[in-house]
Amino acid sequence: MTSVQDVLSYFEEKVPFSLKLDFDNVGLLCGFPEKSVTKVLLALDVTGEVIEEAASFGAELILTHHPLIFHPLKSVRSDDLTGRLVIGLIEKGISAICLHTNLDIVDGGVNDALAEAIGARVTGKLECGRIAELPAAETMESFMERVIEALCCAGARYYDSGRSVKRIALCGGSGGELVYEAPALRCDTVLTGEVKYNQWLDARALGINVVDADHYCTENVVMPVLAEMLHEGFPALELHISETHGQTLRG
């Protein structure tokens, strides 16, 4: 028998919780450590639709990237967004394990999966990102086609500085701050999933290419990696990567 605690302990070893950034909240954030697990649903986030999908699948556990609970809860109520999710999980007997910045940072995690997806080779590590290089320099137009196809984006925002794309500073999710690190890193391009208005302006002033390929798309590439990792540790578990979550975000 595999328990929720067994899965938690496995990931604490494979994706050490000690790697998380100070603001973060990871681990078993809701549920039943002692409960047995036969089916697991994997998703980027815990949402109402994901909980319903897990229940329909018969999953006792949801494994996500983004934490269900970011800030300490002072109450758990059905008229609060997070409270409603916690109540839904408990009512259906489903646990939620969340891996966030520790999964970004760890070898083989989010950012390595992002680099691999776009066909780039990782050549350096950042606090919560990677430096990666394409096999050969290419135009921004070519790189955009590569990114959109690899990450299954409906589209992407970008700034083309006129430079070729070869050496990339990348960070799945929110990594617009890499714009300021890129020159010192000798990177011509930043690839991430969330860039603020002022960061676009500053990238133009710095002469850095920027691609904002969507928070979801730049991080969802890790879901097959997580599934494979979980299968290696618990081959008897039945696994399913969420289909409803991406559909919900894309309308």
Protein backbone atom coordinates (compact mmCIF):
# COMPACT_ATOMS: atom_id res chain seq x y z
CA MET A 1 0.00 0.00 0.00
CA THR A 2 1.22 3.50 -0.90
CA SER A 3 0.15 6.33 1.39
CA VAL A 4 0.02 10.08 0.87
CA GLN A 5 2.91 10.30 3.34
CA ASP A 6 4.95 7.88 1.22
CA VAL A 7 4.53 10.14 -1.82
CA LEU A 8 5.35 13.22 0.27
CA SER A 9 8.53 11.63 1.63
CA TYR A 10 9.56 10.54 -1.85
CA PHE A 11 9.31 14.05 -3.25
CA GLU A 12 10.98 15.55 -0.21
CA GLU A 13 14.00 13.49 -1.22
CA LYS A 14 13.73 13.95 -5.01
CA VAL A 15 12.77 17.66 -4.94
CA PRO A 16 14.08 18.82 -1.54
CA PHE A 17 11.73 21.23 0.20
CA SER A 18 14.79 23.01 1.58
CA LEU A 19 15.43 24.38 -1.94
CA LYS A 20 12.29 26.52 -1.88
CA LEU A 21 12.56 30.30 -1.70
CA ASP A 22 11.72 31.95 1.61
CA PHE A 23 8.29 33.25 0.57
CA ASP A 24 7.13 29.87 -0.66
CA ASN A 25 4.86 27.19 0.78
CA VAL A 26 5.36 23.59 -0.39
CA GLY A 27 4.58 20.06 0.72
CA LEU A 28 1.33 18.46 1.85
CA LEU A 29 -0.86 21.56 2.13
CA CYS A 30 -4.19 19.81 2.60
CA GLY A 31 -5.23 16.25 3.24
CA PHE A 32 -4.66 12.93 4.86
CA PRO A 33 -1.07 11.67 5.32
CA GLU A 34 -2.16 8.19 6.33
CA LYS A 35 -4.63 7.64 3.47
CA SER A 36 -3.76 5.10 0.80
CA VAL A 37 -3.23 6.27 -2.79
CA THR A 38 -4.01 4.38 -5.97
CA LYS A 39 -4.59 7.28 -8.41
CA VAL A 40 -2.94 10.70 -8.73
CA LEU A 41 -3.99 13.69 -10.81
CA LEU A 42 -1.20 16.10 -11.81
CA ALA A 43 -1.94 19.75 -12.57
CA LEU A 44 -0.22 23.11 -12.48
CA ASP A 45 -2.76 24.45 -9.95
CA VAL A 46 -5.48 23.30 -7.58
CA THR A 47 -8.71 24.77 -8.97
CA GLY A 48 -12.35 23.84 -8.57
CA GLU A 49 -12.30 22.20 -11.98
CA VAL A 50 -9.15 20.24 -11.12
CA ILE A 51 -10.75 18.97 -7.90
CA GLU A 52 -13.81 17.80 -9.84
CA GLU A 53 -11.59 16.14 -12.43
CA ALA A 54 -9.65 14.36 -9.69
CA ALA A 55 -12.86 13.16 -8.09
CA SER A 56 -14.17 11.87 -11.43
CA PHE A 57 -10.88 10.05 -12.01
CA GLY A 58 -11.05 8.56 -8.52
CA ALA A 59 -7.78 10.19 -7.43
CA GLU A 60 -6.95 10.33 -3.74
CA LEU A 61 -4.13 12.83 -4.39
CA ILE A 62 -3.53 15.92 -6.51
CA LEU A 63 0.10 16.83 -7.23
CA THR A 64 0.64 20.43 -8.35
CA HIS A 65 3.31 23.02 -9.01
CA HIS A 66 1.60 26.11 -7.59
CA PRO A 67 0.76 26.04 -3.86
CA LEU A 68 -2.85 25.78 -2.80
CA ILE A 69 -2.09 28.03 0.18
CA PHE A 70 0.38 30.91 -0.14
CA HIS A 71 -0.45 32.88 3.01
CA PRO A 72 -1.50 31.63 6.47
CA LEU A 73 -5.23 31.03 6.67
CA LYS A 74 -7.10 32.70 9.53
CA SER A 75 -10.32 30.92 8.59
CA VAL A 76 -11.59 28.28 6.19
CA ARG A 77 -14.92 29.38 4.72
CA SER A 78 -16.93 28.49 1.66
CA ASP A 79 -17.26 32.17 0.70
CA ASP A 80 -13.45 32.55 0.42
CA LEU A 81 -11.66 31.39 -2.74
CA THR A 82 -8.92 29.37 -1.00
CA GLY A 83 -11.25 28.21 1.76
CA ARG A 84 -13.66 26.84 -0.83
CA LEU A 85 -10.87 24.79 -2.42
CA VAL A 86 -9.72 23.42 0.95
CA ILE A 87 -13.29 22.46 1.84
CA GLY A 88 -13.77 20.82 -1.56
CA LEU A 89 -10.66 18.70 -1.14
CA ILE A 90 -11.58 17.59 2.36
CA GLU A 91 -15.19 16.82 1.43
CA LYS A 92 -13.98 14.58 -1.40
CA GLY A 93 -11.19 13.00 0.66
CA ILE A 94 -8.47 14.27 -1.68
CA SER A 95 -5.03 15.41 -0.55
CA ALA A 96 -2.90 18.07 -2.25
CA ILE A 97 0.90 18.03 -2.44
CA CYS A 98 2.44 21.14 -3.98
CA LEU A 99 5.98 21.65 -5.29
CA HIS A 100 6.88 25.16 -6.36
CA THR A 101 10.19 27.04 -6.32
CA ASN A 102 11.99 23.88 -5.21
CA LEU A 103 10.77 22.29 -8.44
CA ASP A 104 11.92 25.35 -10.39
CA ILE A 105 15.42 25.13 -8.95
CA VAL A 106 16.10 21.39 -8.76
CA ASP A 107 18.02 19.62 -11.54
CA GLY A 108 15.53 18.26 -14.05
CA GLY A 109 12.77 20.58 -12.82
CA VAL A 110 10.71 23.32 -14.46
CA ASN A 111 13.53 25.34 -16.00
CA ASP A 112 15.46 22.36 -17.32
CA ALA A 113 12.21 21.07 -18.83
CA LEU A 114 11.61 24.48 -20.43
CA ALA A 115 15.09 24.55 -21.95
CA GLU A 116 14.70 21.01 -23.28
CA ALA A 117 11.28 21.80 -24.75
CA ILE A 118 12.69 24.60 -26.91
CA GLY A 119 15.71 22.55 -27.94
CA ALA A 120 18.28 24.54 -25.96
CA ARG A 121 21.23 23.18 -23.96
CA VAL A 122 21.57 24.35 -20.35
CA THR A 123 24.98 25.92 -19.77
CA GLY A 124 24.47 27.69 -16.45
CA LYS A 125 22.21 28.03 -13.41
CA LEU A 126 20.52 31.09 -11.94
CA GLU A 127 18.77 31.44 -8.57
CA CYS A 128 15.50 30.37 -10.08
CA GLY A 129 16.28 30.01 -13.76
CA ARG A 130 18.80 28.79 -16.32
CA ILE A 131 21.14 29.99 -19.03
CA ALA A 132 20.63 27.94 -22.17
CA GLU A 133 22.00 28.03 -25.71
CA LEU A 134 20.46 27.10 -29.03
CA PRO A 135 22.49 24.90 -31.41
CA ALA A 136 22.84 27.89 -33.74
CA ALA A 137 21.83 31.55 -33.75
CA GLU A 138 18.47 32.29 -35.31
CA THR A 139 16.17 35.23 -35.98
CA MET A 140 13.50 36.28 -33.52
CA GLU A 141 10.87 35.23 -36.05
CA SER A 142 12.31 31.72 -36.17
CA PHE A 143 12.68 31.59 -32.38
CA MET A 144 9.06 32.67 -31.88
CA GLU A 145 7.88 29.85 -34.13
CA ARG A 146 10.03 27.44 -32.12
CA VAL A 147 8.65 28.64 -28.77
CA ILE A 148 4.99 28.72 -29.79
CA GLU A 149 5.15 25.20 -31.23
CA ALA A 150 7.20 23.73 -28.36
CA LEU A 151 5.08 25.24 -25.56
CA CYS A 152 1.70 24.90 -27.34
CA CYS A 153 1.06 28.63 -26.94
CA ALA A 154 -1.88 30.30 -28.61
CA GLY A 155 0.57 33.17 -29.12
CA ALA A 156 3.26 35.09 -27.26
CA ARG A 157 4.30 38.69 -26.61
CA TYR A 158 7.82 39.67 -27.59
CA TYR A 159 10.28 42.46 -28.14
CA ASP A 160 12.75 42.07 -30.99
CA SER A 161 15.91 44.09 -30.35
CA GLY A 162 17.28 43.20 -33.78
CA ARG A 163 19.81 40.78 -32.29
CA SER A 164 19.99 37.10 -33.19
CA VAL A 165 18.79 34.60 -30.60
CA LYS A 166 21.45 32.22 -29.31
CA ARG A 167 22.16 32.59 -25.58
CA ILE A 168 19.00 32.71 -23.48
CA ALA A 169 18.24 33.55 -19.87
CA LEU A 170 15.07 31.64 -19.08
CA CYS A 171 12.69 31.23 -16.18
CA GLY A 172 9.36 29.45 -16.23
CA GLY A 173 6.54 31.58 -14.83
CA SER A 174 7.34 35.07 -13.58
CA GLY A 175 10.90 35.93 -14.55
CA GLY A 176 10.84 39.43 -16.02
CA GLU A 177 13.64 40.51 -13.66
CA LEU A 178 16.04 38.52 -15.83
CA VAL A 179 15.98 41.50 -18.20
CA TYR A 180 18.39 43.24 -15.82
CA GLU A 181 20.67 40.23 -15.41
CA ALA A 182 20.88 39.35 -19.10
CA PRO A 183 23.60 41.85 -20.16
CA ALA A 184 26.06 40.70 -17.49
CA LEU A 185 25.27 37.09 -18.36
CA ARG A 186 26.03 37.78 -22.04
CA CYS A 187 22.52 36.68 -22.94
CA ASP A 188 20.83 38.17 -25.98
CA THR A 189 17.35 36.95 -25.05
CA VAL A 190 15.07 36.47 -22.05
CA LEU A 191 12.35 33.80 -22.18
CA THR A 192 9.79 33.72 -19.39
CA GLY A 193 6.05 33.67 -18.75
CA GLU A 194 5.33 37.02 -17.16
CA VAL A 195 6.88 40.41 -17.95
CA LYS A 196 5.83 43.75 -16.41
CA TYR A 197 5.30 46.92 -18.43
CA ASN A 198 8.43 48.66 -17.12
CA GLN A 199 10.50 45.57 -17.86
CA TRP A 200 9.52 45.75 -21.53
CA LEU A 201 10.69 49.37 -21.64
CA ASP A 202 13.94 48.53 -19.87
CA ALA A 203 14.61 45.59 -22.18
CA ARG A 204 14.34 47.93 -25.15
CA ALA A 205 16.78 50.36 -23.52
CA LEU A 206 19.19 47.50 -22.76
CA GLY A 207 18.91 45.97 -26.24
CA ILE A 208 17.64 42.60 -24.99
CA ASN A 209 15.19 40.36 -26.84
CA VAL A 210 12.26 39.34 -24.64
CA VAL A 211 9.65 36.62 -25.06
CA ASP A 212 6.66 36.34 -22.72
CA ALA A 213 5.25 32.93 -23.61
CA ASP A 214 2.60 32.79 -20.83
CA HIS A 215 2.98 31.69 -17.22
CA TYR A 216 1.00 28.48 -17.73
CA CYS A 217 2.77 27.44 -20.94
CA THR A 218 6.30 28.01 -19.63
CA GLU A 219 5.66 25.90 -16.52
CA ASN A 220 3.24 23.21 -17.70
CA VAL A 221 6.16 21.56 -19.52
CA VAL A 222 7.13 20.06 -16.15
CA MET A 223 3.97 17.98 -15.78
CA PRO A 224 5.24 15.01 -17.86
CA VAL A 225 8.51 15.22 -15.92
CA LEU A 226 6.64 15.01 -12.61
CA ALA A 227 4.55 12.12 -13.92
CA GLU A 228 7.68 10.21 -14.94
CA MET A 229 9.32 10.94 -11.60
CA LEU A 230 6.27 9.67 -9.73
CA HIS A 231 6.00 6.59 -11.94
CA GLU A 232 9.64 5.70 -11.22
CA GLY A 233 8.99 5.78 -7.49
CA PHE A 234 5.53 4.20 -7.51
CA PRO A 235 4.96 2.22 -10.73
CA ALA A 236 1.68 0.76 -9.46
CA LEU A 237 -0.01 4.17 -9.18
CA GLU A 238 -2.39 5.24 -11.92
CA LEU A 239 -1.48 8.74 -13.10
CA HIS A 240 -3.34 11.34 -15.14
CA ILE A 241 -2.23 14.83 -16.21
CA SER A 242 -5.10 17.31 -15.98
CA GLU A 243 -6.93 18.10 -19.19
CA THR A 244 -9.46 20.56 -17.77
CA HIS A 245 -7.00 23.09 -16.31
CA GLY A 246 -5.38 24.17 -19.57
CA GLN A 247 -8.76 24.24 -21.30
CA THR A 248 -10.14 26.49 -18.57
CA LEU A 249 -7.28 28.98 -18.90
CA ARG A 250 -7.52 29.12 -22.68
CA GLY A 251 -11.31 29.47 -22.74
